[in-house]
Amino acid sequence: MKIDYKLLGERIQELRKTRNIKQYGLAESVGLSGPFMSQVENGKKQLSQKCIKICQKHP
């Protein structure tokens, strides 16, 4: 199955905002930098499968 990273980034951003989590806070909690998380949310960078699973488990 091919992953649509732009759609995934949009979904991460949507969930993060509904949970009132700052971008840098989410990035730090999953071991990424804030700028990298921004690029993920904008579909410019891809997350590894491991990081996707970590994000799924984030409260």
Protein backbone atom coordinates (compact mmCIF):
# COMPACT_ATOMS: atom_id res chain seq x y z
CA MET A 1 0.00 0.00 0.00
CA LYS A 2 1.39 3.39 -1.00
CA ILE A 3 1.28 6.13 1.62
CA ASP A 4 0.03 9.58 0.63
CA TYR A 5 2.45 11.64 2.73
CA LYS A 6 0.73 14.95 1.95
CA LEU A 7 -2.58 13.59 3.24
CA LEU A 8 -0.82 12.03 6.22
CA GLY A 9 0.78 15.39 7.08
CA GLU A 10 -2.57 17.14 6.83
CA ARG A 11 -4.13 14.55 9.12
CA ILE A 12 -1.32 14.85 11.68
CA GLN A 13 -1.77 18.62 11.70
CA GLU A 14 -5.54 18.33 12.06
CA LEU A 15 -5.29 15.92 14.99
CA ARG A 16 -2.55 17.96 16.65
CA LYS A 17 -4.65 21.11 16.48
CA THR A 18 -7.83 19.44 17.78
CA ARG A 19 -5.81 18.21 20.77
CA ASN A 20 -4.26 21.65 21.33
CA ILE A 21 -0.72 20.33 20.92
CA LYS A 22 1.95 22.70 19.66
CA GLN A 23 3.95 21.55 16.67
CA TYR A 24 7.22 21.66 18.59
CA GLY A 25 5.65 19.74 21.47
CA LEU A 26 4.55 16.90 19.22
CA ALA A 27 7.88 16.91 17.40
CA GLU A 28 9.82 16.69 20.65
CA SER A 29 7.64 13.90 22.02
CA VAL A 30 8.33 11.71 18.97
CA GLY A 31 12.02 12.60 18.68
CA LEU A 32 11.90 15.01 15.75
CA SER A 33 12.81 18.66 15.31
CA GLY A 34 10.13 21.33 15.00
CA PRO A 35 11.19 22.35 11.47
CA PHE A 36 11.12 18.72 10.33
CA MET A 37 7.61 18.26 11.75
CA SER A 38 6.52 21.39 9.90
CA GLN A 39 7.81 19.92 6.66
CA VAL A 40 6.02 16.65 7.39
CA GLU A 41 2.74 18.47 7.97
CA ASN A 42 3.22 20.33 4.68
CA GLY A 43 3.94 17.12 2.76
CA LYS A 44 7.56 18.07 2.01
CA LYS A 45 9.19 15.36 4.16
CA GLN A 46 8.24 11.77 4.87
CA LEU A 47 8.00 10.03 8.21
CA SER A 48 9.45 6.58 8.70
CA GLN A 49 7.04 3.75 9.45
CA LYS A 50 8.45 3.65 12.99
CA CYS A 51 7.70 7.34 13.52
CA ILE A 52 4.19 6.96 12.10
CA LYS A 53 3.52 4.25 14.69
CA ILE A 54 4.87 6.47 17.49
CA CYS A 55 2.60 9.33 16.36
CA GLN A 56 -0.39 6.97 16.35
CA LYS A 57 0.24 6.13 20.01
CA HIS A 58 0.63 9.78 21.08
CA PRO A 59 -2.14 10.76 23.53
